[in-house]
Amino acid sequence: MRSRWVHIVVVILIALSGSVTAGEGVCLNDAGRISCVDRALPHVAQKAVVLEFIDPSNTGYGEAASRLMWRETLTAIRNMRGRGVLLATRSGDTAPQRENWDELLREFGMDPVQILQGSFHPGALRLGKALDGQMVAWGGVVKSDTRVALHSFLSVIPEVWKPILEIKVPLASDPTAPALARLPVEIDRLAFAPVIAEPDVLFGSPVSARCNLDAGCPNGVPIKSAPEEQARLPTGPVEGTPLKIIGARGKWLNVELPAGERVWMNFYHAEFGPIAVTIPPDRPVMLRNAPGTLQGGQLQTQGPHRVESVRRTSGVLWYQISSEHRSGWVKEDEVEPVHRLPAVHFLAGLYRYGAAQYPRAEREFRAFLHGETSRGDPVTHAMALQLIALSRLKQDVKPPGASPEEALSEALKLTPFNPTLYSMRAAIRLTEEPKSLPAALNDVTHALSLYPDHPAARAFAGSLAASAERRPQALRADGIDPTAILEAAEAFPPPGSLPR
């Protein structure tokens, strides 16, 4: 029987802007301002769901951790139109949102947090599908001495991503013809390295006060004397006031005002910035004397540069950093953010890949790998490298000195017995150079010898053999010998055989 005290809010945040239809339960992020109306339009291209984190040791940070993931993800996709982030937590902010979640509670007949805690990944997929999400971020918070360990996971809806990630090997002589071969590439469940820190460090971030009320904030941005709705103080800080986060509880941030007073503020009213930024290698960035000015000098080092403060001017977000003994401001769209949760970079990479922004996707996956270094799960790191390879394959202008095969070679060092990697290398070799057929066939044979019933490897081998049998002339026009393929197919390990 569901508990009446549980109020869970579903918030859809659509990056930058978008039309909304009344009656549906949504918040829009318009130039950083979050304004809630009734619900998201069905045409939103991509939506991730962030579920409330499990808190088995009762640290009190489960909901706050999920809100941190939500806000960082929102920052990561700030300049992407038609992309959304749904937040599912115990605390509601508006009546329509609570009513929508009540419908979800009735559908499942129990608290969704209990569903997640009872079955983990399958439960995350059930909840994500119910909310029409394509990706589901979730996790758990555990106490570690005086510190908190935040464990993050990502469950990806396979039927959504399989067609997006599928490799289609084209015929170079006729790109409009059916693909020579197809390789399904799947992402399933991913585990990220835990982030372990004191609560004030974990939630600490350069933020500033931001009014997100439709009626405005004539008495300043709302603040509380305690983490509860009834504890409102008569006046709050003006928009743009720099704040220091010293803790969090549920949907509330414990912040320190410039004068030293400690108060509580809803996550909605905090203008979040990344913990650091890096400078893209392909373009110069100006370090300005003040937000919105043209005076300053060019940054000479790539970073990362720690973000000291954030400020919004005329709808544009600026980050204050220090470089070469000089402090200044950089524009948000001129730098690459570094997030405290590496999982956010992975999630942002999927958003970028799904939007066909392949160079940006590659940078996000690289940022994820840089953030986790050697602490993370090798399978998750190998998947990031697979996605880097796919991002490179899709780019019209290939990055100099960086081939898809190079990324796959890195992945094979981490997971050398993964049949998908060998099948991917075969598909990429055939896509980029049809004359590499012998090497590609060796990869297919090796993939099937590792796991004869591997679905992706078997599907790719079958489609390649079918093309050789049915379209031999088309293959010969591409310089591919169909006989060699059919002879190799005869030697492929049969389904049901033992791995070699």
Protein backbone atom coordinates (compact mmCIF):
# COMPACT_ATOMS: atom_id res chain seq x y z
CA MET A 1 0.00 0.00 0.00
CA ARG A 2 1.52 3.25 -1.04
CA SER A 3 2.38 5.78 1.58
CA ARG A 4 0.44 9.06 1.47
CA TRP A 5 3.44 11.08 2.63
CA VAL A 6 5.40 10.25 -0.49
CA HIS A 7 5.16 13.13 -2.96
CA ILE A 8 7.30 12.49 -6.00
CA VAL A 9 7.75 15.08 -8.66
CA VAL A 10 8.41 14.55 -12.32
CA VAL A 11 10.14 17.55 -13.77
CA ILE A 12 10.93 17.80 -17.45
CA LEU A 13 13.53 20.39 -18.25
CA ILE A 14 13.92 21.17 -21.90
CA ALA A 15 17.22 22.75 -22.77
CA LEU A 16 17.03 26.41 -23.77
CA SER A 17 13.45 26.64 -24.98
CA GLY A 18 10.48 24.93 -26.49
CA SER A 19 6.73 25.26 -26.80
CA VAL A 20 4.54 23.58 -24.24
CA THR A 21 0.96 22.43 -24.18
CA ALA A 22 -1.17 23.13 -21.14
CA GLY A 23 -2.21 20.23 -18.95
CA GLU A 24 0.96 18.24 -18.97
CA GLY A 25 3.42 19.06 -15.95
CA VAL A 26 6.77 20.61 -17.14
CA CYS A 27 9.58 23.03 -16.44
CA LEU A 28 11.48 24.77 -19.22
CA ASN A 29 15.05 25.96 -18.99
CA ASP A 30 14.98 29.20 -20.97
CA ALA A 31 18.40 30.91 -20.92
CA GLY A 32 18.98 29.39 -17.49
CA ARG A 33 15.60 30.35 -16.01
CA ILE A 34 13.50 27.34 -14.98
CA SER A 35 9.81 28.10 -15.35
CA CYS A 36 7.19 25.43 -14.64
CA VAL A 37 4.06 25.04 -16.74
CA ASP A 38 1.98 21.93 -17.34
CA ARG A 39 3.93 19.15 -19.21
CA ALA A 40 6.44 18.34 -21.95
CA LEU A 41 5.48 18.06 -25.59
CA PRO A 42 5.75 14.58 -27.11
CA HIS A 43 8.14 15.89 -29.78
CA VAL A 44 11.02 16.21 -27.28
CA ALA A 45 13.70 14.22 -29.06
CA GLN A 46 15.63 12.90 -26.08
CA LYS A 47 14.79 12.60 -22.41
CA ALA A 48 16.86 11.19 -19.59
CA VAL A 49 15.26 10.25 -16.28
CA VAL A 50 17.14 10.90 -13.05
CA LEU A 51 15.69 8.75 -10.27
CA GLU A 52 16.00 9.44 -6.57
CA PHE A 53 19.18 7.80 -5.30
CA ILE A 54 18.83 4.91 -2.86
CA ASP A 55 20.02 5.78 0.65
CA PRO A 56 20.45 2.47 2.52
CA SER A 57 22.53 3.93 5.36
CA ASN A 58 20.15 6.89 5.88
CA THR A 59 22.70 9.59 5.15
CA GLY A 60 19.88 11.98 4.21
CA TYR A 61 21.57 12.74 0.89
CA GLY A 62 19.66 10.42 -1.48
CA GLU A 63 17.34 13.03 -2.95
CA ALA A 64 20.01 15.74 -2.90
CA ALA A 65 22.36 13.46 -4.86
CA SER A 66 19.75 12.91 -7.56
CA ARG A 67 19.12 16.65 -7.76
CA LEU A 68 22.85 17.25 -8.13
CA MET A 69 22.94 14.76 -11.03
CA TRP A 70 19.89 16.46 -12.55
CA ARG A 71 21.32 19.97 -12.35
CA GLU A 72 24.74 18.96 -13.67
CA THR A 73 23.11 17.14 -16.59
CA LEU A 74 20.97 20.17 -17.30
CA THR A 75 24.11 22.32 -17.35
CA ALA A 76 25.81 19.85 -19.69
CA ILE A 77 23.01 20.08 -22.30
CA ARG A 78 22.17 23.73 -21.72
CA ASN A 79 22.61 24.71 -25.38
CA MET A 80 20.70 21.74 -26.86
CA ARG A 81 17.16 22.39 -28.05
CA GLY A 82 14.54 19.68 -27.73
CA ARG A 83 16.47 17.72 -25.08
CA GLY A 84 15.06 17.14 -21.61
CA VAL A 85 15.94 15.85 -18.16
CA LEU A 86 13.21 14.35 -15.99
CA LEU A 87 13.69 14.30 -12.23
CA ALA A 88 11.84 11.75 -10.11
CA THR A 89 12.17 12.38 -6.36
CA ARG A 90 10.09 12.24 -3.20
CA SER A 91 9.59 16.01 -2.89
CA GLY A 92 7.13 17.84 -5.08
CA ASP A 93 7.27 21.51 -6.04
CA THR A 94 3.93 21.98 -7.83
CA ALA A 95 0.51 20.34 -7.59
CA PRO A 96 0.35 19.23 -11.27
CA GLN A 97 3.70 17.48 -10.89
CA ARG A 98 2.52 15.57 -7.79
CA GLU A 99 -0.73 14.60 -9.53
CA ASN A 100 1.21 13.20 -12.51
CA TRP A 101 3.43 11.17 -10.23
CA ASP A 102 0.37 9.89 -8.32
CA GLU A 103 -0.79 8.37 -11.61
CA LEU A 104 2.57 6.64 -11.89
CA LEU A 105 2.26 5.37 -8.33
CA ARG A 106 -1.14 3.91 -9.16
CA GLU A 107 0.27 2.24 -12.26
CA PHE A 108 2.96 0.40 -10.29
CA GLY A 109 1.10 0.08 -7.01
CA MET A 110 4.16 0.93 -4.92
CA ASP A 111 6.76 3.61 -4.26
CA PRO A 112 9.10 3.79 -7.30
CA VAL A 113 12.07 4.11 -4.93
CA GLN A 114 11.13 0.68 -3.58
CA ILE A 115 10.93 -0.66 -7.13
CA LEU A 116 14.45 0.58 -7.77
CA GLN A 117 15.79 -0.73 -4.48
CA GLY A 118 14.18 -4.13 -5.06
CA SER A 119 15.46 -4.83 -8.58
CA PHE A 120 18.01 -2.12 -9.48
CA HIS A 121 18.62 -2.15 -13.26
CA PRO A 122 15.33 -3.86 -14.29
CA GLY A 123 13.46 -1.50 -11.99
CA ALA A 124 15.24 1.51 -13.49
CA LEU A 125 14.23 0.37 -16.97
CA ARG A 126 10.59 -0.07 -15.90
CA LEU A 127 10.45 3.41 -14.43
CA GLY A 128 12.31 4.99 -17.34
CA LYS A 129 9.99 3.44 -19.91
CA ALA A 130 6.94 4.56 -17.93
CA LEU A 131 8.21 8.14 -18.15
CA ASP A 132 9.10 7.84 -21.87
CA GLY A 133 12.80 8.30 -21.12
CA GLN A 134 15.59 6.93 -23.28
CA MET A 135 18.23 6.90 -20.51
CA VAL A 136 17.85 6.38 -16.77
CA ALA A 137 20.41 7.70 -14.29
CA TRP A 138 20.18 6.34 -10.76
CA GLY A 139 22.42 5.41 -7.87
CA GLY A 140 22.99 5.05 -4.19
CA VAL A 141 24.51 7.07 -1.37
CA VAL A 142 26.51 5.34 1.37
CA LYS A 143 28.23 6.80 4.41
CA SER A 144 32.00 6.36 4.57
CA ASP A 145 33.33 7.70 7.90
CA THR A 146 32.59 11.42 7.77
CA ARG A 147 32.40 11.28 3.99
CA VAL A 148 29.68 10.29 1.56
CA ALA A 149 30.18 7.81 -1.30
CA LEU A 150 27.94 8.55 -4.27
CA HIS A 151 27.56 5.56 -6.62
CA SER A 152 26.07 6.31 -10.04
CA PHE A 153 24.59 3.95 -12.64
CA LEU A 154 23.07 4.38 -16.08
CA SER A 155 20.44 2.12 -17.63
CA VAL A 156 19.78 2.67 -21.33
CA ILE A 157 16.53 1.69 -23.03
CA PRO A 158 17.86 -0.82 -25.62
CA GLU A 159 15.03 -0.60 -28.15
CA VAL A 160 15.57 3.16 -28.40
CA TRP A 161 19.35 3.13 -28.80
CA LYS A 162 19.86 0.02 -30.91
CA PRO A 163 18.82 1.72 -34.20
CA ILE A 164 20.76 4.88 -33.27
CA LEU A 165 24.02 3.02 -32.63
CA GLU A 166 23.71 0.40 -35.38
CA ILE A 167 26.63 0.35 -37.84
CA LYS A 168 25.55 0.07 -41.45
CA VAL A 169 28.36 -0.86 -43.84
CA PRO A 170 27.50 0.97 -47.09
CA LEU A 171 28.33 0.06 -50.65
CA ALA A 172 30.80 2.69 -51.81
CA SER A 173 29.68 2.25 -55.43
CA ASP A 174 26.04 2.84 -54.50
CA PRO A 175 25.49 4.50 -51.08
CA THR A 176 21.71 4.49 -51.65
CA ALA A 177 21.60 0.70 -51.92
CA PRO A 178 20.80 -1.48 -48.90
CA ALA A 179 23.70 -1.82 -46.50
CA LEU A 180 26.33 -4.44 -47.20
CA ALA A 181 26.12 -5.53 -43.56
CA ARG A 182 24.60 -4.35 -40.29
CA LEU A 183 26.00 -4.55 -36.79
CA PRO A 184 23.70 -3.87 -33.83
CA VAL A 185 25.57 -2.10 -31.02
CA GLU A 186 23.94 -2.16 -27.61
CA ILE A 187 24.41 -0.27 -24.38
CA ASP A 188 22.84 -1.98 -21.42
CA ARG A 189 23.79 -1.09 -17.87
CA LEU A 190 26.79 0.97 -16.88
CA ALA A 191 28.47 1.49 -13.51
CA PHE A 192 30.58 4.53 -12.69
CA ALA A 193 33.35 5.00 -10.17
CA PRO A 194 32.01 6.27 -6.82
CA VAL A 195 32.60 9.89 -5.92
CA ILE A 196 33.72 9.95 -2.27
CA ALA A 197 33.93 13.28 -0.46
CA GLU A 198 32.82 15.30 2.53
CA PRO A 199 29.25 16.51 1.93
CA ASP A 200 30.29 20.16 1.61
CA VAL A 201 32.85 19.17 -1.04
CA LEU A 202 30.49 16.80 -2.85
CA PHE A 203 27.74 19.39 -3.13
CA GLY A 204 30.05 22.40 -3.06
CA SER A 205 29.90 24.31 -6.27
CA PRO A 206 30.21 27.85 -7.58
CA VAL A 207 26.61 29.05 -7.65
CA SER A 208 24.75 32.32 -7.66
CA ALA A 209 21.20 33.21 -6.70
CA ARG A 210 18.70 32.92 -9.55
CA CYS A 211 15.00 33.80 -9.43
CA ASN A 212 12.87 31.09 -11.04
CA LEU A 213 9.43 32.33 -10.06
CA ASP A 214 7.00 33.38 -12.79
CA ALA A 215 5.94 36.33 -10.64
CA GLY A 216 9.55 37.43 -10.11
CA CYS A 217 11.32 37.95 -6.79
CA PRO A 218 10.58 41.51 -5.56
CA ASN A 219 11.88 40.59 -2.08
CA GLY A 220 14.93 38.78 -3.37
CA VAL A 221 15.46 35.13 -4.28
CA PRO A 222 13.52 33.00 -1.74
CA ILE A 223 15.57 31.60 1.14
CA LYS A 224 14.64 29.68 4.29
CA SER A 225 15.91 29.57 7.84
CA ALA A 226 15.49 25.77 7.78
CA PRO A 227 15.02 23.14 5.03
CA GLU A 228 11.24 23.38 4.96
CA GLU A 229 8.64 25.41 3.07
CA GLN A 230 7.24 27.18 6.15
CA ALA A 231 10.62 28.62 7.22
CA ARG A 232 10.71 31.43 4.65
CA LEU A 233 12.73 34.52 5.49
CA PRO A 234 11.28 37.97 4.61
CA THR A 235 14.06 38.99 2.23
CA GLY A 236 16.56 37.11 0.13
CA PRO A 237 19.64 37.84 -1.95
CA VAL A 238 19.32 39.68 -5.24
CA GLU A 239 19.80 37.75 -8.45
CA GLY A 240 23.45 37.14 -9.24
CA THR A 241 24.62 37.14 -5.61
CA PRO A 242 27.50 34.62 -5.30
CA LEU A 243 26.78 31.81 -2.85
CA LYS A 244 28.83 29.10 -1.21
CA ILE A 245 27.22 25.65 -0.85
CA ILE A 246 28.04 24.03 2.48
CA GLY A 247 25.58 21.13 2.40
CA ALA A 248 22.30 19.78 1.08
CA ARG A 249 19.19 17.99 2.28
CA GLY A 250 16.42 16.76 -0.01
CA LYS A 251 15.55 19.56 -2.41
CA TRP A 252 17.33 22.16 -0.27
CA LEU A 253 20.83 23.58 -0.50
CA ASN A 254 22.50 24.93 2.61
CA VAL A 255 24.29 28.06 1.37
CA GLU A 256 26.40 30.79 2.87
CA LEU A 257 25.64 34.37 1.87
CA PRO A 258 28.47 36.88 1.24
CA ALA A 259 27.99 38.33 4.75
CA GLY A 260 28.47 34.88 6.30
CA GLU A 261 24.82 34.09 7.11
CA ARG A 262 23.87 30.46 6.46
CA VAL A 263 20.45 29.81 4.96
CA TRP A 264 18.57 27.24 2.87
CA MET A 265 17.58 27.57 -0.78
CA ASN A 266 15.69 25.35 -3.21
CA PHE A 267 17.88 23.75 -5.90
CA TYR A 268 15.71 25.59 -8.44
CA HIS A 269 17.03 28.96 -7.37
CA ALA A 270 20.73 28.11 -7.62
CA GLU A 271 22.55 29.05 -10.82
CA PHE A 272 24.98 26.15 -11.05
CA GLY A 273 28.33 26.26 -12.74
CA PRO A 274 30.79 23.44 -13.43
CA ILE A 275 33.64 22.82 -11.00
CA ALA A 276 36.15 23.67 -13.75
CA VAL A 277 36.41 24.43 -17.46
CA THR A 278 38.85 23.50 -20.19
CA ILE A 279 39.72 25.44 -23.33
CA PRO A 280 38.93 23.73 -26.65
CA PRO A 281 42.15 23.17 -28.62
CA ASP A 282 40.60 24.31 -31.89
CA ARG A 283 39.66 27.88 -31.00
CA PRO A 284 41.02 30.83 -28.97
CA VAL A 285 39.18 31.94 -25.84
CA MET A 286 39.24 35.42 -24.35
CA LEU A 287 39.72 35.89 -20.60
CA ARG A 288 37.70 39.06 -20.01
CA ASN A 289 38.00 41.62 -17.27
CA ALA A 290 34.27 41.47 -16.49
CA PRO A 291 31.20 39.58 -17.77
CA GLY A 292 29.92 40.96 -21.06
CA THR A 293 32.94 43.17 -21.78
CA LEU A 294 35.41 42.95 -24.65
CA GLN A 295 38.46 43.95 -22.62
CA GLY A 296 40.90 41.22 -21.62
CA GLY A 297 43.46 38.89 -23.07
CA GLN A 298 43.62 35.50 -24.73
CA LEU A 299 43.91 32.39 -22.56
CA GLN A 300 47.18 30.58 -23.16
CA THR A 301 46.66 27.31 -21.25
CA GLN A 302 44.04 24.63 -21.88
CA GLY A 303 43.37 23.92 -18.22
CA PRO A 304 41.38 22.64 -16.49
CA HIS A 305 40.74 25.98 -14.78
CA ARG A 306 38.78 25.94 -11.52
CA VAL A 307 35.55 27.94 -11.64
CA GLU A 308 35.44 30.45 -8.79
CA SER A 309 32.11 32.15 -9.46
CA VAL A 310 29.22 32.27 -11.92
CA ARG A 311 27.20 35.24 -13.12
CA ARG A 312 24.48 35.75 -15.71
CA THR A 313 24.48 38.92 -17.80
CA SER A 314 21.85 39.59 -20.48
CA GLY A 315 20.89 35.93 -20.56
CA VAL A 316 24.48 34.72 -20.97
CA LEU A 317 26.27 32.72 -18.27
CA TRP A 318 29.85 33.65 -17.40
CA TYR A 319 32.43 31.74 -15.36
CA GLN A 320 35.15 33.39 -13.31
CA ILE A 321 38.47 31.54 -13.45
CA SER A 322 42.14 32.23 -12.70
CA SER A 323 44.91 31.55 -15.18
CA GLU A 324 48.56 32.51 -15.11
CA HIS A 325 48.15 34.60 -11.93
CA ARG A 326 45.28 36.53 -13.48
CA SER A 327 41.56 36.33 -12.76
CA GLY A 328 38.90 36.92 -15.38
CA TRP A 329 35.67 35.74 -16.96
CA VAL A 330 34.94 33.32 -19.80
CA LYS A 331 31.70 32.84 -21.70
CA GLU A 332 29.89 29.53 -21.13
CA ASP A 333 29.63 28.58 -24.81
CA GLU A 334 33.35 29.18 -25.43
CA VAL A 335 34.63 26.61 -22.93
CA GLU A 336 34.07 22.96 -22.07
CA PRO A 337 32.64 22.29 -18.58
CA VAL A 338 34.15 19.78 -16.16
CA HIS A 339 31.48 18.22 -13.94
CA ARG A 340 31.98 16.78 -10.47
CA LEU A 341 30.11 13.60 -11.47
CA PRO A 342 31.91 11.88 -14.39
CA ALA A 343 28.66 10.04 -15.21
CA VAL A 344 27.25 13.39 -16.36
CA HIS A 345 29.86 13.56 -19.13
CA PHE A 346 28.87 10.07 -20.31
CA LEU A 347 25.21 11.04 -20.28
CA ALA A 348 25.98 14.29 -22.13
CA GLY A 349 27.91 12.27 -24.71
CA LEU A 350 24.81 10.18 -25.39
CA TYR A 351 22.73 13.34 -25.78
CA ARG A 352 25.26 14.73 -28.26
CA TYR A 353 25.51 11.47 -30.16
CA GLY A 354 21.73 11.18 -30.39
CA ALA A 355 21.63 14.73 -31.78
CA ALA A 356 24.30 13.86 -34.41
CA GLN A 357 26.76 16.27 -32.74
CA TYR A 358 29.55 13.73 -33.11
CA PRO A 359 32.63 15.90 -32.37
CA ARG A 360 30.98 17.17 -29.17
CA ALA A 361 29.96 13.62 -28.28
CA GLU A 362 33.55 12.45 -28.60
CA ARG A 363 34.76 15.28 -26.36
CA GLU A 364 32.21 14.37 -23.68
CA PHE A 365 33.21 10.69 -23.69
CA ARG A 366 36.87 11.71 -23.47
CA ALA A 367 36.04 14.04 -20.58
CA PHE A 368 34.33 11.13 -18.84
CA LEU A 369 37.42 8.92 -19.24
CA HIS A 370 39.67 11.72 -18.02
CA GLY A 371 37.46 12.28 -14.97
CA GLU A 372 37.32 8.64 -13.92
CA THR A 373 40.95 7.74 -14.86
CA SER A 374 41.72 4.23 -13.63
CA ARG A 375 39.11 4.10 -10.84
CA GLY A 376 36.13 3.06 -12.89
CA ASP A 377 34.65 -0.10 -14.31
CA PRO A 378 36.66 -1.39 -17.34
CA VAL A 379 33.44 -2.40 -19.11
CA THR A 380 32.07 1.14 -18.81
CA HIS A 381 35.39 2.63 -19.97
CA ALA A 382 35.44 0.24 -22.94
CA MET A 383 31.89 1.31 -23.82
CA ALA A 384 32.98 4.97 -23.77
CA LEU A 385 35.79 4.08 -26.19
CA GLN A 386 33.30 2.21 -28.43
CA LEU A 387 31.18 5.35 -28.54
CA ILE A 388 34.25 7.44 -29.35
CA ALA A 389 34.95 5.09 -32.25
CA LEU A 390 31.36 5.43 -33.46
CA SER A 391 31.50 9.22 -33.10
CA ARG A 392 34.65 9.34 -35.21
CA LEU A 393 33.13 7.04 -37.81
CA LYS A 394 30.12 9.33 -38.17
CA GLN A 395 32.08 12.56 -38.56
CA ASP A 396 32.24 14.00 -42.07
CA VAL A 397 35.67 15.47 -41.36
CA LYS A 398 37.72 12.95 -39.44
CA PRO A 399 39.87 14.32 -36.60
CA PRO A 400 43.55 14.29 -37.62
CA GLY A 401 45.52 11.38 -36.21
CA ALA A 402 42.48 9.90 -34.47
CA SER A 403 40.87 6.91 -36.17
CA PRO A 404 37.93 4.80 -34.99
CA GLU A 405 40.24 1.76 -34.95
CA GLU A 406 42.56 3.50 -32.51
CA ALA A 407 39.72 3.93 -30.00
CA LEU A 408 38.71 0.28 -30.43
CA SER A 409 42.30 -0.82 -29.81
CA GLU A 410 42.16 1.06 -26.49
CA ALA A 411 38.88 -0.66 -25.67
CA LEU A 412 40.31 -4.11 -26.48
CA LYS A 413 43.06 -3.59 -23.91
CA LEU A 414 40.34 -3.22 -21.27
CA THR A 415 37.97 -5.98 -22.42
CA PRO A 416 39.92 -8.30 -24.75
CA PHE A 417 37.23 -11.00 -24.77
CA ASN A 418 34.36 -8.79 -25.96
CA PRO A 419 32.96 -10.13 -29.28
CA THR A 420 31.25 -6.80 -30.02
CA LEU A 421 34.59 -5.00 -30.23
CA TYR A 422 35.96 -7.39 -32.88
CA SER A 423 32.70 -7.17 -34.84
CA MET A 424 32.85 -3.38 -34.62
CA ARG A 425 36.41 -3.33 -35.89
CA ALA A 426 35.38 -5.55 -38.81
CA ALA A 427 32.45 -3.27 -39.66
CA ILE A 428 34.57 -0.13 -39.43
CA ARG A 429 37.32 -1.65 -41.55
CA LEU A 430 34.85 -2.55 -44.28
CA THR A 431 33.24 0.89 -44.08
CA GLU A 432 36.50 2.82 -44.39
CA GLU A 433 38.49 0.48 -46.65
CA PRO A 434 36.76 -2.39 -48.50
CA LYS A 435 40.18 -3.86 -49.38
CA SER A 436 40.62 -4.73 -45.71
CA LEU A 437 38.20 -7.66 -46.17
CA PRO A 438 40.67 -10.39 -45.04
CA ALA A 439 41.39 -8.59 -41.76
CA ALA A 440 37.67 -7.92 -41.26
CA LEU A 441 36.81 -11.59 -41.79
CA ASN A 442 39.47 -12.57 -39.27
CA ASP A 443 37.80 -10.26 -36.74
CA VAL A 444 34.37 -11.78 -37.41
CA THR A 445 35.76 -15.30 -37.01
CA HIS A 446 37.47 -14.32 -33.76
CA ALA A 447 34.29 -12.72 -32.39
CA LEU A 448 32.29 -15.90 -33.04
CA SER A 449 35.04 -18.10 -31.63
CA LEU A 450 34.83 -16.15 -28.37
CA TYR A 451 31.06 -16.50 -28.16
CA PRO A 452 29.41 -18.48 -31.01
CA ASP A 453 25.91 -17.38 -29.97
CA HIS A 454 26.73 -13.69 -29.45
CA PRO A 455 23.66 -11.93 -30.95
CA ALA A 456 25.47 -8.91 -32.44
CA ALA A 457 28.38 -10.90 -33.87
CA ARG A 458 26.02 -13.52 -35.29
CA ALA A 459 23.75 -10.86 -36.84
CA PHE A 460 26.70 -9.08 -38.46
CA ALA A 461 28.19 -12.31 -39.84
CA GLY A 462 24.80 -13.38 -41.17
CA SER A 463 24.09 -10.08 -42.93
CA LEU A 464 27.56 -10.07 -44.51
CA ALA A 465 27.16 -13.62 -45.81
CA ALA A 466 23.63 -12.88 -47.09
CA SER A 467 24.92 -9.92 -49.14
CA ALA A 468 27.71 -12.04 -50.61
CA GLU A 469 25.19 -14.67 -51.65
CA ARG A 470 22.45 -12.39 -52.98
CA ARG A 471 24.39 -9.41 -54.35
CA PRO A 472 27.77 -10.67 -55.57
CA GLN A 473 27.98 -8.20 -58.46
CA ALA A 474 27.39 -5.20 -56.19
CA LEU A 475 30.16 -6.39 -53.88
CA ARG A 476 32.58 -6.91 -56.76
CA ALA A 477 31.88 -3.34 -57.89
CA ASP A 478 33.21 -2.24 -54.50
CA GLY A 479 36.30 -4.40 -54.84
CA ILE A 480 34.99 -6.97 -52.34
CA ASP A 481 35.29 -10.66 -53.17
CA PRO A 482 31.96 -12.36 -52.33
CA THR A 483 33.55 -15.79 -52.69
CA ALA A 484 36.01 -15.02 -49.90
CA ILE A 485 33.12 -14.05 -47.65
CA LEU A 486 31.17 -17.23 -48.37
CA GLU A 487 34.24 -19.41 -47.84
CA ALA A 488 34.92 -17.69 -44.51
CA ALA A 489 31.27 -18.09 -43.52
CA GLU A 490 31.58 -21.84 -44.02
CA ALA A 491 34.33 -21.82 -41.38
CA PHE A 492 32.53 -19.59 -38.88
CA PRO A 493 31.85 -21.42 -35.60
CA PRO A 494 28.26 -22.67 -35.81
CA PRO A 495 25.60 -21.54 -33.34
CA GLY A 496 25.55 -23.61 -30.18
CA SER A 497 29.21 -24.62 -30.42
CA LEU A 498 31.63 -24.18 -27.55
CA PRO A 499 33.90 -21.11 -27.41
CA ARG A 500 37.38 -21.82 -28.72
